[in-house]
N, C-alpha and C. Protein backbone atom coordinates (compact mmCIF):
# COMPACT_ATOMS: atom_id res chain seq x y z
N UNK A 1 87.65 72.98 103.49
CA UNK A 1 88.41 73.03 102.43
C UNK A 1 89.61 74.17 102.65
N UNK A 2 90.68 73.79 102.29
CA UNK A 2 91.98 74.64 102.53
C UNK A 2 92.12 75.66 101.26
N UNK A 3 92.51 77.10 101.65
CA UNK A 3 92.76 77.89 100.63
C UNK A 3 93.87 78.48 100.67
N UNK A 4 94.63 78.66 99.67
CA UNK A 4 96.18 79.39 99.72
C UNK A 4 96.37 79.99 98.53
N UNK A 5 96.96 81.33 98.58
CA UNK A 5 97.24 82.16 97.60
C UNK A 5 98.44 82.87 97.92
N UNK A 6 99.38 83.01 96.83
CA UNK A 6 100.55 83.75 97.17
C UNK A 6 100.94 84.63 95.86
N UNK A 7 101.50 85.67 96.22
CA UNK A 7 102.02 86.58 95.13
C UNK A 7 103.28 87.15 95.49
N UNK A 8 104.12 87.47 94.51
CA UNK A 8 105.38 88.32 94.86
C UNK A 8 105.70 89.19 93.70
N UNK A 9 106.29 90.28 94.07
CA UNK A 9 106.95 91.13 93.08
C UNK A 9 108.25 91.87 93.41
N UNK A 10 108.95 91.93 92.28
CA UNK A 10 110.26 92.65 92.48
C UNK A 10 110.44 93.63 91.37
N UNK A 11 110.63 95.07 91.83
CA UNK A 11 110.65 96.09 90.78
C UNK A 11 112.10 96.74 91.19
N UNK A 12 112.67 97.06 90.08
CA UNK A 12 114.12 97.55 90.09
C UNK A 12 114.09 98.70 88.94
N UNK A 13 114.70 99.78 89.25
CA UNK A 13 114.79 101.10 88.48
C UNK A 13 116.36 100.99 87.96
N UNK A 14 117.09 100.02 88.08
CA UNK A 14 118.57 100.08 88.06
C UNK A 14 119.30 100.34 89.32
N UNK A 15 118.75 101.21 90.00
CA UNK A 15 119.72 101.57 91.25
C UNK A 15 119.08 100.99 92.65
N UNK A 16 117.57 100.97 92.47
CA UNK A 16 116.95 100.63 93.95
C UNK A 16 116.21 99.33 93.58
N UNK A 17 115.97 98.56 94.29
CA UNK A 17 115.08 97.36 94.20
C UNK A 17 114.13 97.29 95.22
N UNK A 18 112.82 97.03 94.89
CA UNK A 18 111.62 97.04 95.75
C UNK A 18 110.98 95.60 95.69
N UNK A 19 111.17 95.07 96.77
CA UNK A 19 110.42 93.81 96.70
C UNK A 19 109.05 93.69 97.79
N UNK A 20 108.24 92.76 97.27
CA UNK A 20 106.95 92.75 98.10
C UNK A 20 106.28 91.45 97.93
N UNK A 21 105.70 90.74 98.90
CA UNK A 21 105.17 89.79 98.58
C UNK A 21 103.81 89.49 99.72
N UNK A 22 102.84 88.63 99.41
CA UNK A 22 101.62 88.24 100.01
C UNK A 22 101.45 86.96 100.04
N UNK A 23 101.12 86.21 101.14
CA UNK A 23 100.76 84.84 101.17
C UNK A 23 99.33 84.88 102.08
N UNK A 24 98.28 84.19 101.58
CA UNK A 24 97.09 83.99 102.42
C UNK A 24 96.77 82.54 102.44
N UNK A 25 96.60 82.12 103.71
CA UNK A 25 96.10 80.60 103.90
C UNK A 25 94.97 80.54 104.90
N UNK A 26 94.22 79.66 104.60
CA UNK A 26 92.99 79.50 105.51
C UNK A 26 92.35 78.14 105.32
N UNK A 27 92.01 77.26 106.33
CA UNK A 27 91.37 76.19 106.35
C UNK A 27 89.90 76.39 106.79
N UNK A 28 88.94 76.28 106.22
CA UNK A 28 87.54 76.78 106.67
C UNK A 28 86.54 75.42 106.23
N UNK A 29 85.56 75.37 106.98
CA UNK A 29 84.45 74.36 106.71
C UNK A 29 83.17 75.02 106.36
N UNK A 30 82.16 74.52 105.65
CA UNK A 30 81.10 74.97 105.44
C UNK A 30 80.00 73.72 105.57
N UNK A 31 79.12 74.07 106.57
CA UNK A 31 77.83 73.08 106.62
C UNK A 31 76.66 73.85 106.43
N UNK A 32 76.08 73.34 105.28
CA UNK A 32 74.80 73.95 104.80
C UNK A 32 73.57 73.47 105.92
N UNK A 33 72.61 74.56 106.07
CA UNK A 33 71.68 74.31 107.07
C UNK A 33 70.49 73.21 106.55
N UNK A 34 70.52 73.27 104.92
CA UNK A 34 69.72 72.23 104.39
C UNK A 34 70.65 71.79 103.22
N UNK A 35 71.09 70.39 103.34
CA UNK A 35 71.88 70.02 102.27
C UNK A 35 71.53 70.02 100.99
N UNK A 36 70.10 70.15 100.60
CA UNK A 36 69.32 70.01 99.34
C UNK A 36 69.51 71.52 98.85
N UNK A 37 69.73 72.39 99.56
CA UNK A 37 69.82 73.88 99.23
C UNK A 37 70.97 74.64 99.66
N UNK A 38 72.27 73.99 99.41
CA UNK A 38 73.33 74.50 100.15
C UNK A 38 73.58 76.14 99.89
N UNK A 39 72.92 76.68 99.08
CA UNK A 39 73.29 78.33 98.90
C UNK A 39 72.30 79.06 99.78
N UNK A 40 71.35 78.30 100.38
CA UNK A 40 70.24 79.19 101.19
C UNK A 40 70.76 79.60 102.45
N UNK A 41 71.86 78.88 103.23
CA UNK A 41 72.40 79.36 104.30
C UNK A 41 73.14 78.10 104.75
N UNK A 42 73.99 78.39 106.07
CA UNK A 42 74.65 77.20 106.84
C UNK A 42 75.78 77.94 107.54
N UNK A 43 76.76 77.27 108.11
CA UNK A 43 77.97 77.89 108.92
C UNK A 43 79.13 77.68 108.23
N UNK A 44 79.97 78.69 108.24
CA UNK A 44 81.42 78.60 107.99
C UNK A 44 82.23 78.59 109.49
N UNK A 45 83.18 77.63 109.22
CA UNK A 45 84.13 77.97 110.65
C UNK A 45 85.68 77.87 110.16
N UNK A 46 86.22 78.87 110.56
CA UNK A 46 87.82 78.86 110.65
C UNK A 46 88.13 78.82 112.00
N UNK A 47 88.75 77.61 112.57
CA UNK A 47 88.96 77.34 113.98
C UNK A 47 90.32 78.09 114.46
N UNK A 48 90.28 78.39 115.85
CA UNK A 48 91.70 78.94 116.31
C UNK A 48 92.75 78.09 116.05
N UNK A 49 92.51 76.59 116.05
CA UNK A 49 93.64 75.78 116.08
C UNK A 49 94.28 75.69 114.39
N UNK A 50 93.70 76.29 113.63
CA UNK A 50 94.45 76.17 112.37
C UNK A 50 93.63 77.63 111.70
N UNK A 51 94.05 79.00 112.23
CA UNK A 51 93.24 80.02 111.62
C UNK A 51 93.86 80.48 110.37
N UNK A 52 92.84 81.55 109.89
CA UNK A 52 93.49 82.06 108.44
C UNK A 52 94.61 83.06 108.68
N UNK A 53 95.33 82.96 107.83
CA UNK A 53 96.52 83.85 107.91
C UNK A 53 96.97 84.71 106.69
N UNK A 54 97.18 86.04 106.76
CA UNK A 54 97.63 86.92 105.72
C UNK A 54 99.02 87.44 106.10
N UNK A 55 99.99 87.16 105.57
CA UNK A 55 101.32 87.66 105.61
C UNK A 55 101.87 88.65 104.61
N UNK A 56 102.09 89.72 104.66
CA UNK A 56 102.70 90.76 103.81
C UNK A 56 104.07 91.13 104.15
N UNK A 57 105.01 91.04 103.05
CA UNK A 57 106.38 91.45 103.31
C UNK A 57 106.60 92.48 102.26
N UNK A 58 107.37 93.46 102.86
CA UNK A 58 107.94 94.52 101.93
C UNK A 58 109.45 94.98 102.49
N UNK A 59 110.34 94.75 101.50
CA UNK A 59 111.67 95.01 101.84
C UNK A 59 112.31 94.63 102.89
N UNK A 60 111.96 93.12 103.22
CA UNK A 60 112.51 92.60 104.45
C UNK A 60 111.69 92.72 105.83
N UNK A 61 110.59 93.60 105.73
CA UNK A 61 109.65 93.67 106.85
C UNK A 61 108.51 92.88 106.75
N UNK A 62 108.19 91.95 107.64
CA UNK A 62 106.94 91.08 107.62
C UNK A 62 105.85 91.61 108.56
N UNK A 63 104.55 91.66 108.12
CA UNK A 63 103.50 91.93 108.76
C UNK A 63 102.50 90.55 108.47
N UNK A 64 101.79 90.31 109.90
CA UNK A 64 101.06 89.15 109.66
C UNK A 64 99.75 89.32 110.65
N UNK A 65 98.53 88.88 109.82
CA UNK A 65 97.49 88.94 110.57
C UNK A 65 96.76 87.57 110.65
N UNK A 66 96.39 87.23 111.69
CA UNK A 66 95.67 85.82 111.82
C UNK A 66 94.25 86.09 112.01
N UNK A 67 93.27 85.05 111.83
CA UNK A 67 91.83 85.29 112.22
C UNK A 67 91.18 84.08 112.25
N UNK A 68 90.18 83.96 113.20
CA UNK A 68 89.06 82.80 113.24
C UNK A 68 87.96 83.26 113.56
N UNK A 69 86.95 82.28 113.36
CA UNK A 69 85.48 82.72 113.71
C UNK A 69 85.12 81.95 115.05
N UNK A 70 84.47 82.70 115.98
CA UNK A 70 84.04 82.23 117.24
C UNK A 70 83.09 82.75 117.89
N UNK A 71 81.84 82.01 117.55
CA UNK A 71 81.41 80.86 117.33
C UNK A 71 81.54 80.71 115.97
N UNK A 72 81.07 79.68 115.09
CA UNK A 72 81.02 79.70 113.78
C UNK A 72 80.27 80.87 112.97
N UNK A 73 80.63 81.17 111.90
CA UNK A 73 79.96 82.35 111.09
C UNK A 73 78.62 81.53 110.30
N UNK A 74 77.54 82.21 110.57
CA UNK A 74 76.06 81.90 110.28
C UNK A 74 75.59 82.57 109.00
N UNK A 75 75.60 82.09 107.93
CA UNK A 75 74.91 82.74 106.72
C UNK A 75 73.62 82.15 106.51
N UNK A 76 72.74 83.24 106.14
CA UNK A 76 71.29 83.13 105.95
C UNK A 76 70.88 84.16 104.81
N UNK A 77 70.76 83.43 103.40
CA UNK A 77 70.67 84.45 102.47
C UNK A 77 69.44 85.02 102.33
N UNK A 78 68.45 84.96 103.34
CA UNK A 78 67.27 85.85 103.19
C UNK A 78 67.75 87.26 104.03
N UNK A 79 68.84 87.36 104.48
CA UNK A 79 69.14 88.55 105.15
C UNK A 79 69.78 89.60 104.36
N UNK A 80 68.82 90.51 103.91
CA UNK A 80 69.11 91.47 102.75
C UNK A 80 70.51 92.25 102.91
N UNK A 81 70.91 92.28 104.33
CA UNK A 81 72.28 93.27 104.65
C UNK A 81 73.42 92.40 104.15
N UNK A 82 73.28 91.10 104.04
CA UNK A 82 74.22 90.04 103.54
C UNK A 82 75.38 90.13 104.62
N UNK A 83 75.13 90.17 105.88
CA UNK A 83 75.96 90.03 107.09
C UNK A 83 75.62 88.75 107.84
N UNK A 84 76.57 88.09 108.31
CA UNK A 84 76.46 86.81 109.23
C UNK A 84 75.67 87.20 110.52
N UNK A 85 75.09 86.31 111.11
CA UNK A 85 74.48 86.47 112.28
C UNK A 85 75.11 85.46 113.41
N UNK A 86 75.07 86.38 114.86
CA UNK A 86 75.48 85.60 115.95
C UNK A 86 76.86 84.88 115.96
N UNK A 87 77.80 85.88 115.31
CA UNK A 87 79.18 85.10 115.54
C UNK A 87 80.16 86.41 115.75
N UNK A 88 81.32 86.01 115.89
CA UNK A 88 82.24 87.01 116.38
C UNK A 88 83.77 86.30 115.61
N UNK A 89 84.28 87.55 114.85
CA UNK A 89 85.47 87.25 114.18
C UNK A 89 86.56 87.91 114.89
N UNK A 90 87.37 87.21 115.00
CA UNK A 90 88.66 87.76 115.96
C UNK A 90 89.87 87.86 114.84
N UNK A 91 90.35 88.90 114.83
CA UNK A 91 91.78 89.07 113.99
C UNK A 91 92.71 89.74 114.91
N UNK A 92 93.94 88.90 114.75
CA UNK A 92 95.25 89.41 115.65
C UNK A 92 96.42 89.87 114.73
N UNK A 93 96.75 90.93 114.94
CA UNK A 93 97.81 91.41 113.86
C UNK A 93 99.30 91.62 114.74
N UNK A 94 100.41 91.04 114.40
CA UNK A 94 101.38 91.11 115.05
C UNK A 94 102.42 91.87 114.04
N UNK A 95 102.90 92.95 114.72
CA UNK A 95 103.84 94.06 114.21
C UNK A 95 105.32 93.44 113.95
N UNK A 96 106.10 93.98 113.02
CA UNK A 96 107.47 93.29 113.17
C UNK A 96 108.25 93.18 114.28
N UNK A 97 107.86 93.91 115.40
CA UNK A 97 108.55 94.16 116.41
C UNK A 97 107.99 92.79 117.70
N UNK A 98 106.83 92.29 117.09
CA UNK A 98 106.41 90.97 117.82
C UNK A 98 105.14 91.55 118.69
N UNK A 99 104.69 92.79 118.79
CA UNK A 99 103.64 93.26 119.51
C UNK A 99 102.18 92.86 118.70
N UNK A 100 101.53 92.25 119.46
CA UNK A 100 100.13 91.78 118.90
C UNK A 100 99.10 92.69 119.39
N UNK A 101 98.04 92.84 118.32
CA UNK A 101 96.95 93.74 118.47
C UNK A 101 95.64 92.96 118.17
N UNK A 102 94.66 93.07 118.79
CA UNK A 102 93.38 92.31 118.52
C UNK A 102 92.09 93.05 118.14
N UNK A 103 91.52 92.88 116.89
CA UNK A 103 90.38 93.56 116.61
C UNK A 103 89.24 92.30 116.51
N UNK A 104 87.91 92.67 116.82
CA UNK A 104 86.93 91.98 117.18
C UNK A 104 85.82 92.43 116.34
N UNK A 105 85.17 91.70 115.60
CA UNK A 105 83.78 92.10 114.84
C UNK A 105 82.57 91.17 115.29
N UNK A 106 81.76 91.54 116.05
CA UNK A 106 80.59 90.83 116.52
C UNK A 106 79.38 91.27 115.93
N UNK A 107 78.83 90.00 115.32
CA UNK A 107 77.64 90.35 114.37
C UNK A 107 76.17 89.92 115.39
N UNK A 108 75.46 90.80 115.78
CA UNK A 108 74.28 90.38 116.57
C UNK A 108 73.29 89.58 115.70
N UNK A 109 72.87 90.08 114.61
CA UNK A 109 71.83 89.78 113.89
C UNK A 109 71.99 90.41 112.48
N UNK A 110 70.88 90.07 111.69
CA UNK A 110 71.17 90.63 110.11
C UNK A 110 71.33 92.18 110.09
N UNK A 111 72.50 92.55 109.85
CA UNK A 111 72.77 94.00 109.42
C UNK A 111 73.16 94.58 110.76
N UNK A 112 73.43 93.96 111.85
CA UNK A 112 73.69 94.56 113.32
C UNK A 112 75.05 93.99 113.66
N UNK A 113 76.08 94.97 113.88
CA UNK A 113 77.40 94.57 114.42
C UNK A 113 78.08 95.63 115.26
N UNK A 114 79.04 95.10 116.11
CA UNK A 114 79.86 96.07 116.65
C UNK A 114 81.52 95.66 116.29
N UNK A 115 82.38 96.76 116.38
CA UNK A 115 83.80 96.50 116.09
C UNK A 115 84.47 97.08 117.23
N UNK A 116 85.41 96.22 117.93
CA UNK A 116 86.28 96.56 119.06
C UNK A 116 87.75 96.39 118.77
N UNK A 117 88.48 97.23 119.22
CA UNK A 117 90.19 97.10 118.97
C UNK A 117 90.68 97.03 120.42
N UNK A 118 91.29 96.10 120.76
CA UNK A 118 91.92 95.96 121.92
C UNK A 118 90.79 96.22 123.02
N UNK A 119 89.62 95.69 123.00
CA UNK A 119 88.59 95.67 124.02
C UNK A 119 87.70 96.98 123.94
N UNK A 120 87.95 98.07 123.23
CA UNK A 120 87.24 99.20 123.23
C UNK A 120 86.56 99.25 122.04
N UNK A 121 85.07 99.52 122.09
CA UNK A 121 84.18 99.62 121.22
C UNK A 121 84.44 100.65 120.25
N UNK A 122 84.68 100.49 118.91
CA UNK A 122 84.94 101.55 117.91
C UNK A 122 83.60 101.84 117.03
N UNK A 123 82.74 100.86 116.73
CA UNK A 123 81.63 101.04 116.00
C UNK A 123 80.68 100.19 116.66
N UNK A 124 79.63 101.07 117.42
CA UNK A 124 78.56 100.23 118.02
C UNK A 124 77.70 99.69 117.07
């Protein structure tokens, strides 16, 4: 399923004008573990060939974040921590000068995860 949301705002006090916009796009798939019980668990996939994207703009400066799941995000409703299992979510941020930064969140099991920024573990 493809999802897309956009919003924009323009504010003026008569002298200064402030413009802002946000655009979110993602193409994802969900495959239930048991098709007869789709809410009990399954896998979500946002692939690197069509990553999710959030673009924010403020007064002509644009910021963009892209992300995908690798491997697919596994959801199990019995996990009380409500975290996925056995996946890595990769987020790439590109600043207005074109420099890219990488944030990875790896979920090992129910409630257990690590966060890395540029290859350095930030949250064990």
